[in-house]
Protein backbone atom coordinates (compact mmCIF):
# COMPACT_ATOMS: atom_id res chain seq x y z
CA MET A 1 -13.32 -11.27 -38.53
CA SER A 2 -13.41 -14.60 -38.30
CA TRP A 3 -11.20 -16.73 -36.31
CA THR A 4 -9.57 -19.96 -36.87
CA ALA A 5 -7.82 -22.00 -34.10
CA LYS A 6 -4.37 -23.20 -34.94
CA PRO A 7 -3.85 -26.84 -35.31
CA ILE A 8 -2.22 -28.63 -32.68
CA VAL A 9 0.51 -30.76 -32.87
CA ALA A 10 1.95 -33.13 -30.48
CA ALA A 11 5.93 -33.64 -30.81
CA PHE A 12 7.41 -36.85 -28.75
CA ASP A 13 10.84 -37.82 -27.96
CA PHE A 14 11.28 -41.62 -28.50
CA ASP A 15 14.18 -42.98 -25.85
CA GLY A 16 13.05 -42.54 -22.31
CA THR A 17 10.01 -40.75 -23.07
CA LEU A 18 7.60 -43.26 -25.10
CA THR A 19 10.25 -45.65 -24.16
CA ARG A 20 11.76 -46.83 -20.43
CA ARG A 21 15.30 -46.85 -22.08
CA ASP A 22 17.63 -46.33 -24.70
CA THR A 23 16.90 -48.42 -28.06
CA LEU A 24 20.19 -48.12 -30.12
CA PHE A 25 22.07 -50.75 -28.56
CA PRO A 26 18.92 -53.17 -28.39
CA PHE A 27 18.88 -52.66 -31.88
CA LEU A 28 22.58 -53.47 -32.52
CA LEU A 29 22.12 -56.52 -30.40
CA PHE A 30 19.35 -57.89 -32.71
CA VAL A 31 21.02 -57.27 -35.85
CA VAL A 32 24.24 -58.57 -35.10
CA GLY A 33 23.47 -61.32 -32.54
CA ALA A 34 24.87 -61.93 -29.01
CA PRO A 35 28.18 -63.03 -29.19
CA VAL A 36 29.32 -60.35 -31.87
CA PHE A 37 27.48 -57.44 -29.95
CA ALA A 38 29.63 -58.76 -26.82
CA TRP A 39 32.70 -58.50 -28.72
CA LYS A 40 31.93 -55.16 -30.63
CA PHE A 41 30.53 -53.36 -27.59
CA LEU A 42 33.44 -54.32 -25.84
CA LEU A 43 35.60 -52.47 -28.30
CA SER A 44 33.10 -49.63 -28.28
CA LEU A 45 33.85 -49.09 -24.60
CA PRO A 46 36.14 -46.47 -24.75
CA VAL A 47 34.43 -44.00 -26.50
CA LEU A 48 31.21 -44.65 -24.72
CA ALA A 49 33.20 -44.15 -21.62
CA GLY A 50 34.54 -40.64 -23.63
CA TYR A 51 31.37 -40.15 -24.24
CA ALA A 52 30.07 -40.27 -20.54
CA LEU A 53 32.74 -37.78 -19.73
CA GLY A 54 32.11 -35.18 -21.68
CA LEU A 55 35.33 -35.51 -23.78
CA ILE A 56 33.53 -36.88 -26.63
CA ARG A 57 30.59 -35.23 -28.65
CA ASN A 58 26.89 -37.17 -28.79
CA ASP A 59 27.20 -37.14 -32.92
CA ILE A 60 31.06 -38.12 -32.85
CA ALA A 61 30.40 -41.04 -30.34
CA LYS A 62 27.28 -42.41 -32.12
CA GLN A 63 28.80 -42.36 -35.49
CA ARG A 64 32.00 -44.57 -34.54
CA VAL A 65 29.62 -46.58 -32.66
CA LEU A 66 27.58 -46.75 -35.33
CA THR A 67 30.26 -47.67 -37.85
CA ARG A 68 31.85 -50.74 -35.67
CA PHE A 69 28.39 -52.38 -35.70
CA LEU A 70 27.03 -51.14 -38.86
CA ALA A 71 29.55 -50.48 -41.39
CA ASP A 72 29.29 -52.69 -44.36
CA MET A 73 25.65 -54.07 -43.95
CA GLU A 74 23.47 -53.77 -46.48
CA LEU A 75 20.69 -51.16 -45.89
CA ALA A 76 17.84 -53.29 -47.30
CA GLU A 77 19.04 -55.67 -44.73
CA LEU A 78 19.00 -53.15 -42.20
CA GLN A 79 15.47 -51.46 -43.01
CA ARG A 80 14.38 -55.63 -43.18
CA LYS A 81 15.61 -55.98 -39.50
CA GLY A 82 14.40 -52.26 -38.45
CA GLU A 83 10.53 -53.54 -39.38
CA GLN A 84 11.18 -56.89 -37.42
CA PHE A 85 12.92 -54.98 -34.39
CA ALA A 86 9.79 -52.68 -34.65
CA GLU A 87 6.86 -55.36 -34.59
CA HIS A 88 8.79 -57.66 -32.32
CA LYS A 89 10.92 -56.07 -29.89
CA LEU A 90 10.13 -52.23 -29.21
CA PRO A 91 6.19 -53.17 -27.90
CA TRP A 92 8.09 -54.55 -25.00
CA LEU A 93 10.37 -51.31 -24.10
CA LEU A 94 6.87 -48.84 -24.17
CA ARG A 95 5.98 -46.43 -21.21
CA THR A 96 2.53 -47.17 -20.60
CA GLU A 97 2.01 -44.00 -19.59
CA ALA A 98 3.49 -42.11 -22.43
CA MET A 99 1.31 -44.31 -24.95
CA TRP A 100 -1.86 -43.37 -23.14
CA ARG A 101 -1.01 -39.74 -23.48
CA LEU A 102 -0.05 -40.52 -27.02
CA HIS A 103 -3.54 -42.29 -27.57
CA TRP A 104 -4.89 -38.92 -25.86
CA HIS A 105 -3.56 -36.63 -28.77
CA LEU A 106 -4.73 -39.30 -31.24
CA GLN A 107 -8.28 -39.18 -30.14
CA ASN A 108 -8.40 -35.49 -30.20
CA GLY A 109 -7.60 -35.49 -33.79
CA HIS A 110 -4.25 -33.91 -33.39
CA ARG A 111 -0.78 -34.49 -35.55
CA CYS A 112 1.46 -36.28 -33.91
CA VAL A 113 5.06 -36.53 -34.65
CA VAL A 114 8.14 -39.16 -33.44
CA VAL A 115 11.54 -36.59 -33.24
CA SER A 116 14.29 -38.45 -31.66
CA ALA A 117 18.21 -39.35 -32.14
CA SER A 118 17.20 -43.16 -32.38
CA LEU A 119 17.46 -45.01 -36.34
CA GLU A 120 15.09 -43.73 -38.85
CA LEU A 121 15.31 -47.76 -39.45
CA TYR A 122 13.33 -48.69 -37.04
CA LEU A 123 11.31 -45.49 -35.54
CA GLN A 124 9.67 -45.19 -39.06
CA PRO A 125 7.59 -48.51 -38.92
CA TRP A 126 6.70 -48.51 -35.90
CA ALA A 127 5.70 -44.91 -35.70
CA SER A 128 3.45 -45.72 -38.99
CA LYS A 129 1.54 -48.59 -37.36
CA MET A 130 1.20 -46.05 -33.98
CA GLY A 131 -0.70 -43.45 -36.12
CA PHE A 132 1.87 -41.05 -36.02
CA SER A 133 1.97 -38.28 -39.03
CA ASP A 134 5.79 -38.57 -39.24
CA ALA A 135 9.27 -40.09 -37.79
CA LEU A 136 11.56 -37.80 -37.85
CA GLY A 137 15.07 -39.40 -36.82
CA SER A 138 18.57 -40.01 -37.58
CA GLN A 139 19.79 -41.51 -41.14
CA LEU A 140 22.67 -43.98 -42.33
CA GLU A 141 25.09 -42.83 -45.03
CA THR A 142 24.65 -45.36 -47.77
CA ARG A 143 27.17 -45.47 -50.74
CA ALA A 144 26.34 -46.14 -54.08
CA ASP A 145 26.17 -49.91 -53.65
CA GLY A 146 23.45 -49.91 -51.28
CA ARG A 147 25.63 -50.72 -48.31
CA VAL A 148 26.27 -48.30 -45.10
CA THR A 149 29.19 -46.69 -44.18
CA GLY A 150 28.16 -46.32 -40.20
CA ARG A 151 28.25 -42.67 -40.52
CA LEU A 152 25.22 -40.44 -40.08
CA LEU A 153 23.33 -38.72 -43.47
CA GLY A 154 23.10 -35.25 -42.20
CA GLU A 155 23.13 -34.27 -38.52
CA ASN A 156 21.83 -36.46 -35.53
CA CYS A 157 18.37 -35.49 -34.51
CA PHE A 158 19.52 -34.12 -31.46
CA GLY A 159 19.18 -30.69 -29.32
CA PRO A 160 18.41 -27.91 -31.56
CA GLU A 161 18.15 -30.30 -35.05
CA LYS A 162 14.85 -31.19 -33.51
CA VAL A 163 13.27 -28.03 -33.61
CA ARG A 164 15.17 -27.56 -37.13
CA ARG A 165 13.65 -30.70 -38.52
CA LEU A 166 10.42 -30.40 -37.03
CA GLU A 167 10.21 -26.75 -38.59
CA ALA A 168 11.50 -28.28 -41.59
CA LEU A 169 8.36 -30.47 -41.86
CA LEU A 170 5.44 -28.33 -40.31
CA GLY A 171 6.95 -24.49 -41.26
CA GLU A 172 7.04 -21.71 -38.99
CA ARG A 173 6.17 -22.53 -35.43
CA SER A 174 3.94 -19.72 -35.11
CA GLY A 175 1.51 -21.69 -37.17
CA TYR A 176 0.69 -24.56 -35.23
CA THR A 177 -0.17 -25.07 -30.93
CA LEU A 178 2.94 -27.43 -30.38
CA TYR A 179 3.15 -29.88 -27.30
CA ALA A 180 6.26 -31.29 -26.64
CA TYR A 181 7.32 -34.31 -24.17
CA GLY A 182 10.81 -34.88 -23.79
CA ASP A 183 13.36 -36.79 -20.61
CA SER A 184 16.83 -35.52 -21.52
CA ARG A 185 18.78 -32.60 -22.08
CA GLY A 186 18.32 -33.56 -25.97
CA ASP A 187 15.02 -32.35 -25.78
CA LYS A 188 15.68 -29.27 -24.40
CA GLU A 189 15.18 -27.17 -27.20
CA LEU A 190 12.55 -28.48 -28.31
CA LEU A 191 10.24 -28.01 -24.85
CA SER A 192 11.67 -24.66 -25.07
CA ALA A 193 10.12 -24.09 -28.10
CA ALA A 194 6.57 -25.68 -27.18
CA ASP A 195 3.44 -23.92 -26.39
CA HIS A 196 2.92 -27.00 -23.68
CA ALA A 197 6.11 -28.71 -22.75
CA PHE A 198 6.17 -31.87 -20.70
CA TYR A 199 9.17 -33.20 -18.96
CA LYS A 200 10.02 -36.88 -18.05
CA LYS A 201 8.36 -36.08 -14.83
CA PHE A 202 5.13 -36.52 -16.36
CA PHE A 203 5.40 -40.17 -16.76
CA ALA A 204 6.75 -40.96 -13.35
């Protein structure tokens, strides 16, 4: 009877794990520019405060912010901005220790996947350049005219949705050995599902 080793998958959260900070607001600043960003951020403070106090769910707060900043913008323009942001801004936000870990997995032939609540607009072009096989993130709903509504298409890729998206991509969890990296409560389920789980202290 022959024995075949399971394939190895490394699943990385993005914000706070591969990067030093959240990337959504830097992206929104990049898209709309400083004056508009300052005004819309000020208008978003009640929603952000409600989220911080636990009065507004993560996905609802996120959609309200995205709607205020991005509603009615053309998806094609946002995709272009996402590629530019990935190319010129994200390199300055990366966590060196985490990137070393990514390179270790890549050098050993492991399949590397980003699983993040960040927007795929910039997550996918960045991940492709870095050698990831896949980038699973949050997507924006688009109208028939090619403009975004600001709402999310499907679920926010957060918490249990991360595990669901990973299994939809790779199949049953029992079919591969999983390394998982995360830094927040949004990664709890992903870390719990892993054979080898690394919380943020790994990168300290």
